[in-house]
C-alpha atoms as a PDB file:
ATOM      1  CA  MET A   1      -9.654  25.556  45.863  1.00  0.00           C
ATOM      2  CA  PRO A   2      -6.512  26.342  48.092  1.00  0.00           C
ATOM      3  CA  GLU A   3      -4.470  23.864  48.976  1.00  0.00           C
ATOM      4  CA  GLN A   4      -4.963  23.863  52.858  1.00  0.00           C
ATOM      5  CA  PHE A   5      -8.331  22.247  52.104  1.00  0.00           C
ATOM      6  CA  ALA A   6      -6.773  19.346  49.893  1.00  0.00           C
ATOM      7  CA  ARG A   7      -8.456  16.149  51.924  1.00  0.00           C
ATOM      8  CA  LYS A   8      -8.723  12.421  51.662  1.00  0.00           C
ATOM      9  CA  ARG A   9     -11.630  10.549  53.156  1.00  0.00           C
ATOM     10  CA  ARG A  10     -10.709   8.322  56.181  1.00  0.00           C
ATOM     11  CA  PRO A  11     -12.903   5.168  56.947  1.00  0.00           C
ATOM     12  CA  TRP A  12     -15.863   5.733  59.315  1.00  0.00           C
ATOM     13  CA  VAL A  13     -16.637   3.710  62.130  1.00  0.00           C
ATOM     14  CA  PHE A  14     -19.053   5.249  64.535  1.00  0.00           C
ATOM     15  CA  ILE A  15     -20.404   7.372  62.054  1.00  0.00           C
ATOM     16  CA  ALA A  16     -21.649   4.721  59.930  1.00  0.00           C
ATOM     17  CA  CYS A  17     -25.084   5.236  61.198  1.00  0.00           C
ATOM     18  CA  LEU A  18     -24.694   8.847  62.984  1.00  0.00           C
ATOM     19  CA  VAL A  19     -23.694  10.808  59.880  1.00  0.00           C
ATOM     20  CA  CYS A  20     -24.894   8.473  56.822  1.00  0.00           C
ATOM     21  CA  MET A  21     -28.402   8.295  57.508  1.00  0.00           C
ATOM     22  CA  SER A  22     -29.613   6.735  54.524  1.00  0.00           C
ATOM     23  CA  GLN A  23     -33.103   6.466  55.841  1.00  0.00           C
ATOM     24  CA  THR A  24     -33.533   2.716  54.684  1.00  0.00           C
ATOM     25  CA  GLY A  25     -30.115   1.043  55.358  1.00  0.00           C
ATOM     26  CA  CYS A  26     -29.835   2.551  58.900  1.00  0.00           C
ATOM     27  CA  LYS A  27     -33.480   2.084  59.586  1.00  0.00           C
ATOM     28  CA  SER A  28     -34.494  -0.280  62.887  1.00  0.00           C
ATOM     29  CA  ARG A  29     -37.348  -2.583  62.580  1.00  0.00           C
ATOM     30  CA  MET A  30     -38.466  -1.686  66.156  1.00  0.00           C
ATOM     31  CA  THR A  31     -40.118   1.502  64.444  1.00  0.00           C
ATOM     32  CA  GLU A  32     -42.446  -0.477  62.596  1.00  0.00           C
ATOM     33  CA  GLN A  33     -43.571  -2.344  65.524  1.00  0.00           C
ATOM     34  CA  ALA A  34     -43.379   0.094  68.031  1.00  0.00           C
ATOM     35  CA  HIS A  35     -46.572   1.531  67.082  1.00  0.00           C
ATOM     36  CA  ASP A  36     -49.489   1.393  65.127  1.00  0.00           C
ATOM     37  CA  GLY A  37     -52.130   3.804  63.403  1.00  0.00           C
ATOM     38  CA  PRO A  38     -52.019   6.653  60.919  1.00  0.00           C
ATOM     39  CA  ARG A  39     -49.038   8.835  60.459  1.00  0.00           C
ATOM     40  CA  SER A  40     -48.660  12.664  60.055  1.00  0.00           C
ATOM     41  CA  PRO A  41     -46.459  13.016  56.727  1.00  0.00           C
ATOM     42  CA  GLY A  42     -43.995  15.771  57.460  1.00  0.00           C
ATOM     43  CA  ALA A  43     -44.978  15.981  60.999  1.00  0.00           C
ATOM     44  CA  THR A  44     -41.884  17.000  63.635  1.00  0.00           C
ATOM     45  CA  ALA A  45     -41.612  17.445  67.245  1.00  0.00           C
ATOM     46  CA  SER A  46     -39.204  18.944  69.568  1.00  0.00           C
ATOM     47  CA  LEU A  47     -36.506  17.419  71.758  1.00  0.00           C
ATOM     48  CA  LEU A  48     -34.588  19.045  74.350  1.00  0.00           C
ATOM     49  CA  GLY A  49     -32.094  17.886  76.514  1.00  0.00           C
ATOM     50  CA  GLU A  50     -29.002  17.766  78.616  1.00  0.00           C
ATOM     51  CA  VAL A  51     -25.394  16.149  77.820  1.00  0.00           C
ATOM     52  CA  ARG A  52     -23.656  15.609  81.228  1.00  0.00           C
ATOM     53  CA  LEU A  53     -20.470  14.119  82.500  1.00  0.00           C
ATOM     54  CA  ALA A  54     -20.984  10.517  83.748  1.00  0.00           C
ATOM     55  CA  PRO A  55     -20.936  10.133  87.210  1.00  0.00           C
ATOM     56  CA  GLY A  56     -17.715  10.008  89.059  1.00  0.00           C
ATOM     57  CA  ALA A  57     -15.695  10.765  85.852  1.00  0.00           C
ATOM     58  CA  ARG A  58     -13.024  12.931  84.891  1.00  0.00           C
ATOM     59  CA  LEU A  59     -12.821  15.617  82.092  1.00  0.00           C
ATOM     60  CA  PRO A  60     -10.583  14.224  79.334  1.00  0.00           C
ATOM     61  CA  GLU A  61      -8.357  16.321  77.249  1.00  0.00           C
ATOM     62  CA  TYR A  62      -6.164  15.981  74.166  1.00  0.00           C
ATOM     63  CA  ALA A  63      -2.656  15.408  73.969  1.00  0.00           C
ATOM     64  CA  SER A  64      -0.431  18.318  72.431  1.00  0.00           C
ATOM     65  CA  VAL A  65       0.004  16.180  68.926  1.00  0.00           C
ATOM     66  CA  ASP A  66      -3.767  16.275  68.743  1.00  0.00           C
ATOM     67  CA  LEU A  67      -3.529  19.942  68.024  1.00  0.00           C
ATOM     68  CA  ALA A  68      -1.417  20.138  64.986  1.00  0.00           C
ATOM     69  CA  ARG A  69      -1.400  18.719  61.774  1.00  0.00           C
ATOM     70  CA  ARG A  70       1.526  17.373  59.506  1.00  0.00           C
ATOM     71  CA  PRO A  71       1.155  17.936  55.677  1.00  0.00           C
ATOM     72  CA  LEU A  72       3.121  15.393  53.616  1.00  0.00           C
ATOM     73  CA  ARG A  73       4.999  18.570  52.407  1.00  0.00           C
ATOM     74  CA  MET A  74       6.357  20.201  55.450  1.00  0.00           C
ATOM     75  CA  HIS A  75       8.345  23.515  55.631  1.00  0.00           C
ATOM     76  CA  SER A  76       9.246  25.971  58.608  1.00  0.00           C
ATOM     77  CA  PRO A  77       7.002  28.915  59.247  1.00  0.00           C
ATOM     78  CA  PRO A  78       7.737  32.159  60.917  1.00  0.00           C
ATOM     79  CA  THR A  79       7.752  31.662  64.692  1.00  0.00           C
ATOM     80  CA  PRO A  80       4.352  32.404  66.314  1.00  0.00           C
ATOM     81  CA  PRO A  81       3.218  34.792  68.630  1.00  0.00           C
ATOM     82  CA  SER A  82       4.466  34.136  72.291  1.00  0.00           C
ATOM     83  CA  GLU A  83       0.797  34.207  73.551  1.00  0.00           C
ATOM     84  CA  CYS A  84       0.258  30.827  71.509  1.00  0.00           C
ATOM     85  CA  ASP A  85       1.926  28.259  74.068  1.00  0.00           C
ATOM     86  CA  ALA A  86      -0.786  29.435  76.384  1.00  0.00           C
ATOM     87  CA  ALA A  87      -3.547  29.225  74.044  1.00  0.00           C
ATOM     88  CA  ASN A  88      -2.551  25.447  72.823  1.00  0.00           C
ATOM     89  CA  GLN A  89      -2.555  24.630  76.664  1.00  0.00           C
ATOM     90  CA  ARG A  90      -6.290  25.917  76.849  1.00  0.00           C
ATOM     91  CA  ALA A  91      -7.336  24.014  73.985  1.00  0.00           C
ATOM     92  CA  ARG A  92      -6.361  20.679  74.904  1.00  0.00           C
ATOM     93  CA  THR A  93      -9.551  20.982  77.187  1.00  0.00           C
ATOM     94  CA  PRO A  94     -12.215  22.046  74.492  1.00  0.00           C
ATOM     95  CA  VAL A  95     -15.301  20.709  76.445  1.00  0.00           C
ATOM     96  CA  GLN A  96     -16.172  22.230  79.621  1.00  0.00           C
ATOM     97  CA  ARG A  97     -18.393  21.298  82.502  1.00  0.00           C
ATOM     98  CA  SER A  98     -20.891  23.433  84.126  1.00  0.00           C
ATOM     99  CA  ASP A  99     -21.379  23.787  87.814  1.00  0.00           C
ATOM    100  CA  SER A 100     -24.659  21.273  87.309  1.00  0.00           C
ATOM    101  CA  GLY A 101     -22.410  18.966  85.479  1.00  0.00           C
ATOM    102  CA  GLY A 102     -23.602  19.774  81.845  1.00  0.00           C
ATOM    103  CA  LEU A 103     -21.019  19.466  79.192  1.00  0.00           C
ATOM    104  CA  SER A 104     -20.429  22.009  76.407  1.00  0.00           C
ATOM    105  CA  GLY A 105     -19.720  21.895  72.708  1.00  0.00           C
ATOM    106  CA  ILE A 106     -21.145  18.235  72.353  1.00  0.00           C
ATOM    107  CA  ALA A 107     -22.891  16.982  68.988  1.00  0.00           C
ATOM    108  CA  VAL A 108     -26.250  15.534  69.220  1.00  0.00           C
ATOM    109  CA  GLY A 109     -27.737  13.821  66.202  1.00  0.00           C
ATOM    110  CA  ALA A 110     -30.635  11.834  65.162  1.00  0.00           C
ATOM    111  CA  SER A 111     -30.730   8.703  63.119  1.00  0.00           C
ATOM    112  CA  ASP A 112     -33.164   5.773  62.346  1.00  0.00           C
ATOM    113  CA  PHE A 113     -35.674   7.695  60.639  1.00  0.00           C
ATOM    114  CA  THR A 114     -37.632   7.723  57.185  1.00  0.00           C
ATOM    115  CA  ARG A 115     -38.663  10.921  56.607  1.00  0.00           C
ATOM    116  CA  THR A 116     -35.857  13.827  56.394  1.00  0.00           C
ATOM    117  CA  PRO A 117     -36.990  17.519  57.388  1.00  0.00           C
ATOM    118  CA  HIS A 118     -35.965  20.223  54.523  1.00  0.00           C
ATOM    119  CA  ARG A 119     -33.585  23.126  55.550  1.00  0.00           C
ATOM    120  CA  ARG A 120     -32.130  25.563  53.335  1.00  0.00           C
ATOM    121  CA  PRO A 121     -28.154  25.317  53.528  1.00  0.00           C
ATOM    122  CA  ARG A 122     -26.258  27.677  56.006  1.00  0.00           C
ATOM    123  CA  GLU A 123     -22.624  29.101  56.528  1.00  0.00           C
ATOM    124  CA  HIS A 124     -20.754  27.634  59.552  1.00  0.00           C
ATOM    125  CA  ARG A 125     -17.818  30.253  60.489  1.00  0.00           C
ATOM    126  CA  VAL A 126     -14.717  29.092  62.501  1.00  0.00           C
ATOM    127  CA  VAL A 127     -12.210  31.764  63.289  1.00  0.00           C
ATOM    128  CA  ILE A 128      -8.796  31.858  64.455  1.00  0.00           C
ATOM    129  CA  GLU A 129      -8.529  34.412  67.135  1.00  0.00           C
ATOM    130  CA  HIS A 130      -5.647  34.736  70.002  1.00  0.00           C
ATOM    131  CA  CYS A 131      -3.982  31.612  68.518  1.00  0.00           C
ATOM    132  CA  GLN A 132      -7.049  29.213  68.947  1.00  0.00           C
ATOM    133  CA  LEU A 133      -9.986  28.117  66.623  1.00  0.00           C
ATOM    134  CA  GLN A 134     -13.247  28.726  67.730  1.00  0.00           C
ATOM    135  CA  PRO A 135     -15.765  27.236  68.299  1.00  0.00           C
ATOM    136  CA  THR A 136     -14.087  23.868  68.969  1.00  0.00           C
ATOM    137  CA  LEU A 137     -16.996  21.601  67.315  1.00  0.00           C
ATOM    138  CA  VAL A 138     -18.874  22.360  64.285  1.00  0.00           C
ATOM    139  CA  ALA A 139     -22.050  20.105  63.510  1.00  0.00           C
ATOM    140  CA  ALA A 140     -23.232  20.783  59.822  1.00  0.00           C
ATOM    141  CA  THR A 141     -25.451  19.291  57.138  1.00  0.00           C
ATOM    142  CA  SER A 142     -24.150  17.908  53.877  1.00  0.00           C
ATOM    143  CA  GLY A 143     -24.226  20.975  51.190  1.00  0.00           C
ATOM    144  CA  ASP A 144     -23.673  23.659  54.024  1.00  0.00           C
ATOM    145  CA  THR A 145     -20.475  25.837  53.769  1.00  0.00           C
ATOM    146  CA  LEU A 146     -17.373  26.469  56.220  1.00  0.00           C
ATOM    147  CA  THR A 147     -15.720  29.664  56.503  1.00  0.00           C
ATOM    148  CA  ILE A 148     -12.465  29.744  58.129  1.00  0.00           C
ATOM    149  CA  GLU A 149     -11.346  33.393  58.881  1.00  0.00           C
ATOM    150  CA  ASN A 150      -8.236  34.570  60.468  1.00  0.00           C
ATOM    151  CA  ARG A 151      -8.439  37.171  62.849  1.00  0.00           C
ATOM    152  CA  ASP A 152      -4.829  37.341  63.936  1.00  0.00           C
ATOM    153  CA  ASP A 153      -1.939  39.215  62.549  1.00  0.00           C
ATOM    154  CA  TYR A 154       0.040  36.051  61.956  1.00  0.00           C
ATOM    155  CA  ALA A 155      -0.296  33.724  59.229  1.00  0.00           C
ATOM    156  CA  PHE A 156      -1.646  30.493  60.403  1.00  0.00           C
ATOM    157  CA  GLU A 157      -2.069  27.457  58.226  1.00  0.00           C
ATOM    158  CA  PRO A 158      -5.406  26.069  58.816  1.00  0.00           C
ATOM    159  CA  LEU A 159      -5.908  22.165  57.391  1.00  0.00           C
ATOM    160  CA  VAL A 160      -9.038  20.342  57.339  1.00  0.00           C
ATOM    161  CA  GLY A 161      -7.925  16.857  57.335  1.00  0.00           C
ATOM    162  CA  PRO A 162      -4.998  15.257  55.786  1.00  0.00           C
ATOM    163  CA  SER A 163      -3.239  17.303  53.539  1.00  0.00           C
ATOM    164  CA  TYR A 164      -0.464  17.340  51.006  1.00  0.00           C
ATOM    165  CA  ALA A 165       1.004  20.842  51.949  1.00  0.00           C
ATOM    166  CA  ALA A 166      -0.150  24.014  53.981  1.00  0.00           C
ATOM    167  CA  THR A 167      -0.749  27.390  52.677  1.00  0.00           C
ATOM    168  CA  PRO A 168      -0.953  30.315  54.742  1.00  0.00           C
ATOM    169  CA  LEU A 169      -3.978  32.094  55.525  1.00  0.00           C
ATOM    170  CA  ALA A 170      -3.196  36.009  55.330  1.00  0.00           C
ATOM    171  CA  PRO A 171      -3.888  38.015  58.587  1.00  0.00           C
ATOM    172  CA  HIS A 172      -7.464  39.192  58.460  1.00  0.00           C
ATOM    173  CA  ALA A 173      -8.281  37.021  55.314  1.00  0.00           C
ATOM    174  CA  ARG A 174     -10.772  34.171  55.108  1.00  0.00           C
ATOM    175  CA  VAL A 175     -11.523  31.001  52.948  1.00  0.00           C
ATOM    176  CA  LYS A 176     -14.590  29.233  52.055  1.00  0.00           C
ATOM    177  CA  ARG A 177     -15.373  25.583  51.330  1.00  0.00           C
ATOM    178  CA  SER A 178     -18.641  23.582  50.775  1.00  0.00           C
ATOM    179  CA  LEU A 179     -19.071  20.321  53.041  1.00  0.00           C
ATOM    180  CA  GLU A 180     -19.625  16.721  52.246  1.00  0.00           C
ATOM    181  CA  PRO A 181     -20.700  13.964  54.950  1.00  0.00           C
ATOM    182  CA  GLY A 182     -17.911  12.791  57.382  1.00  0.00           C
ATOM    183  CA  ILE A 183     -15.932  13.627  60.471  1.00  0.00           C
ATOM    184  CA  ASP A 184     -12.829  15.557  60.068  1.00  0.00           C
ATOM    185  CA  ALA A 185     -10.460  18.046  62.275  1.00  0.00           C
ATOM    186  CA  ILE A 186      -9.467  21.487  61.514  1.00  0.00           C
ATOM    187  CA  GLN A 187      -6.131  22.234  62.870  1.00  0.00           C
ATOM    188  CA  CYS A 188      -3.234  24.584  61.775  1.00  0.00           C
ATOM    189  CA  SER A 189       0.063  23.151  60.714  1.00  0.00           C
ATOM    190  CA  LEU A 190       2.898  21.592  63.388  1.00  0.00           C
ATOM    191  CA  GLY A 191       5.371  24.631  62.900  1.00  0.00           C
ATOM    192  CA  ALA A 192       2.319  26.952  64.313  1.00  0.00           C
ATOM    193  CA  PRO A 193      -0.340  24.878  66.103  1.00  0.00           C
ATOM    194  CA  CYS A 194      -3.999  27.089  66.600  1.00  0.00           C
ATOM    195  CA  GLY A 195      -5.849  24.498  68.745  1.00  0.00           C
ATOM    196  CA  ARG A 196      -8.544  22.371  67.282  1.00  0.00           C
ATOM    197  CA  SER A 197     -12.196  22.655  65.856  1.00  0.00           C
ATOM    198  CA  ASP A 198     -13.827  19.144  65.314  1.00  0.00           C
ATOM    199  CA  LEU A 199     -15.902  19.017  62.188  1.00  0.00           C
ATOM    200  CA  LEU A 200     -19.007  16.794  62.011  1.00  0.00           C
ATOM    201  CA  VAL A 201     -21.001  16.699  58.906  1.00  0.00           C
ATOM    202  CA  PHE A 202     -24.201  14.969  58.694  1.00  0.00           C
ATOM    203  CA  MET A 203     -26.529  13.937  55.273  1.00  0.00           C
ATOM    204  CA  HIS A 204     -29.707  15.745  57.262  1.00  0.00           C
ATOM    205  CA  PRO A 205     -30.424  18.602  59.345  1.00  0.00           C
ATOM    206  CA  VAL A 206     -31.847  16.856  62.327  1.00  0.00           C
ATOM    207  CA  HIS A 207     -28.719  17.918  64.819  1.00  0.00           C
ATOM    208  CA  ALA A 208     -27.516  20.059  67.272  1.00  0.00           C
ATOM    209  CA  VAL A 209     -24.352  21.113  69.578  1.00  0.00           C
ATOM    210  CA  THR A 210     -24.683  21.802  73.568  1.00  0.00           C
ATOM    211  CA  ASP A 211     -24.393  25.370  74.669  1.00  0.00           C
ATOM    212  CA  ALA A 212     -22.322  26.475  77.681  1.00  0.00           C
ATOM    213  CA  LEU A 213     -24.632  24.803  80.260  1.00  0.00           C
ATOM    214  CA  GLY A 214     -24.746  21.265  78.178  1.00  0.00           C
ATOM    215  CA  ASN A 215     -28.201  22.006  76.925  1.00  0.00           C
ATOM    216  CA  PHE A 216     -29.437  21.237  73.332  1.00  0.00           C
ATOM    217  CA  ARG A 217     -32.617  21.628  71.461  1.00  0.00           C
ATOM    218  CA  ILE A 218     -34.058  19.786  68.072  1.00  0.00           C
ATOM    219  CA  ASP A 219     -37.031  21.498  66.814  1.00  0.00           C
ATOM    220  CA  ASN A 220     -37.150  19.410  63.529  1.00  0.00           C
ATOM    221  CA  LEU A 221     -37.278  15.942  64.789  1.00  0.00           C
ATOM    222  CA  PRO A 222     -39.354  13.636  62.773  1.00  0.00           C
ATOM    223  CA  ALA A 223     -42.709  12.798  64.709  1.00  0.00           C
ATOM    224  CA  GLN A 224     -44.346   9.290  64.989  1.00  0.00           C
ATOM    225  CA  GLU A 225     -40.927   7.216  64.403  1.00  0.00           C
ATOM    226  CA  LEU A 226     -38.751   5.357  66.918  1.00  0.00           C
ATOM    227  CA  VAL A 227     -35.827   7.531  66.388  1.00  0.00           C
ATOM    228  CA  ARG A 228     -32.235   6.998  68.066  1.00  0.00           C
ATOM    229  CA  ILE A 229     -30.420   9.971  69.546  1.00  0.00           C
ATOM    230  CA  THR A 230     -26.773  10.090  69.862  1.00  0.00           C
ATOM    231  CA  ALA A 231     -24.572  12.262  72.008  1.00  0.00           C
ATOM    232  CA  TRP A 232     -20.819  12.590  70.304  1.00  0.00           C
ATOM    233  CA  HIS A 233     -17.500  13.878  70.533  1.00  0.00           C
ATOM    234  CA  PRO A 234     -13.881  12.741  69.710  1.00  0.00           C
ATOM    235  CA  LEU A 235     -13.053  12.726  73.635  1.00  0.00           C
ATOM    236  CA  PHE A 236     -15.800  10.489  74.850  1.00  0.00           C
ATOM    237  CA  GLU A 237     -17.561   7.191  74.260  1.00  0.00           C
ATOM    238  CA  PRO A 238     -20.839   7.843  72.291  1.00  0.00           C
ATOM    239  CA  SER A 239     -24.157   7.910  74.202  1.00  0.00           C
ATOM    240  CA  GLU A 240     -27.513   7.173  72.686  1.00  0.00           C
ATOM    241  CA  LEU A 241     -31.461   6.551  73.594  1.00  0.00           C
ATOM    242  CA  PHE A 242     -34.459   6.156  71.545  1.00  0.00           C
ATOM    243  CA  VAL A 243     -37.256   8.545  71.608  1.00  0.00           C
ATOM    244  CA  TRP A 244     -40.935   8.437  70.205  1.00  0.00           C
ATOM    245  CA  LEU A 245     -42.637  11.878  70.087  1.00  0.00           C
ATOM    246  CA  GLU A 246     -46.059  12.660  68.493  1.00  0.00           C
ATOM    247  CA  PRO A 247     -46.526  15.845  66.216  1.00  0.00           C
ATOM    248  CA  ALA A 248     -45.865  19.232  68.201  1.00  0.00           C
ATOM    249  CA  GLU A 249     -44.926  17.267  71.219  1.00  0.00           C
ATOM    250  CA  GLN A 250     -42.045  18.305  73.338  1.00  0.00           C
ATOM    251  CA  ARG A 251     -39.556  16.191  75.736  1.00  0.00           C
ATOM    252  CA  HIS A 252     -36.782  16.622  77.638  1.00  0.00           C
ATOM    253  CA  VAL A 253     -34.092  13.908  77.560  1.00  0.00           C
ATOM    254  CA  VAL A 254     -30.667  13.478  79.682  1.00  0.00           C
ATOM    255  CA  LEU A 255     -27.507  11.650  78.379  1.00  0.00           C
ATOM    256  CA  ASP A 256     -24.421  10.793  80.196  1.00  0.00           C
ATOM    257  CA  LEU A 257     -21.091  10.946  78.526  1.00  0.00           C
ATOM    258  CA  GLN A 258     -17.997   8.487  79.668  1.00  0.00           C
ATOM    259  CA  PRO A 259     -14.879   9.849  78.541  1.00  0.00           C
ATOM    260  CA  LYS A 260     -12.330   7.577  76.423  1.00  0.00           C
ATOM    261  CA  GLY A 261      -9.752   6.045  78.425  1.00  0.00           C
ATOM    262  CA  ARG A 262      -6.739   7.286  76.580  1.00  0.00           C
ATOM    263  CA  PHE A 263      -7.847  10.845  77.028  1.00  0.00           C
ATOM    264  CA  VAL A 264      -8.142  10.921  80.531  1.00  0.00           C
ATOM    265  CA  PRO A 265      -5.249  12.528  82.458  1.00  0.00           C
ATOM    266  CA  PRO A 266      -3.560  10.797  85.146  1.00  0.00           C
ATOM    267  CA  PRO A 267      -4.911  11.677  88.629  1.00  0.00           C
END
């Protein structure tokens, strides 16, 4: 495995119940008390929704230091293309607000359920193009794979999590790795930043990412259980609500996100 994917586990705070869905450990007692009656094994429902910026809030942004990673073993890479300065400035605001107030690139995940839907492993692709990692957030499931592809003519050094050393990824080359549960960020080395792509890996497939209008859809939500729904992004305080859906039921919900104070730029 290439050295740029060497990583260390970091302590989890919020993700203890968001990512680690250990069906019994994170289970809420309210589920057993909320509804009585027979259940349909394996039944699912559809949850549609919108994630919006909280009223009166301003869009947060990363600081420049949040867009690059310093490996333990440093070296000086060649000077990156001149267009990278503007690209990294744009990368400071990965979440955009639509005219209706919806937020793009927000992860929405379920927890507190006891029956995990099955889903085949998937490949998630992150590309470096015009000095910038895209997409800005990936929500995956344990056992999925991540492919990073460099579409530029410069050999950037992408890193996933804390790393000992950075290895150049040749122009128009790609590298693949398997994914384990946790939260990390994909960033390039300090000498040649390439923006940032946040990586959230769940232990189950019940999750989604909002589109350009802030909308999301989860079609495999376990039915006949009280399920916690959480909207998450590193720049925002998490927001959550609980839903109980019957088999094949479809419901629409709205979650408002409040930016974390340290990421809100001065007026």
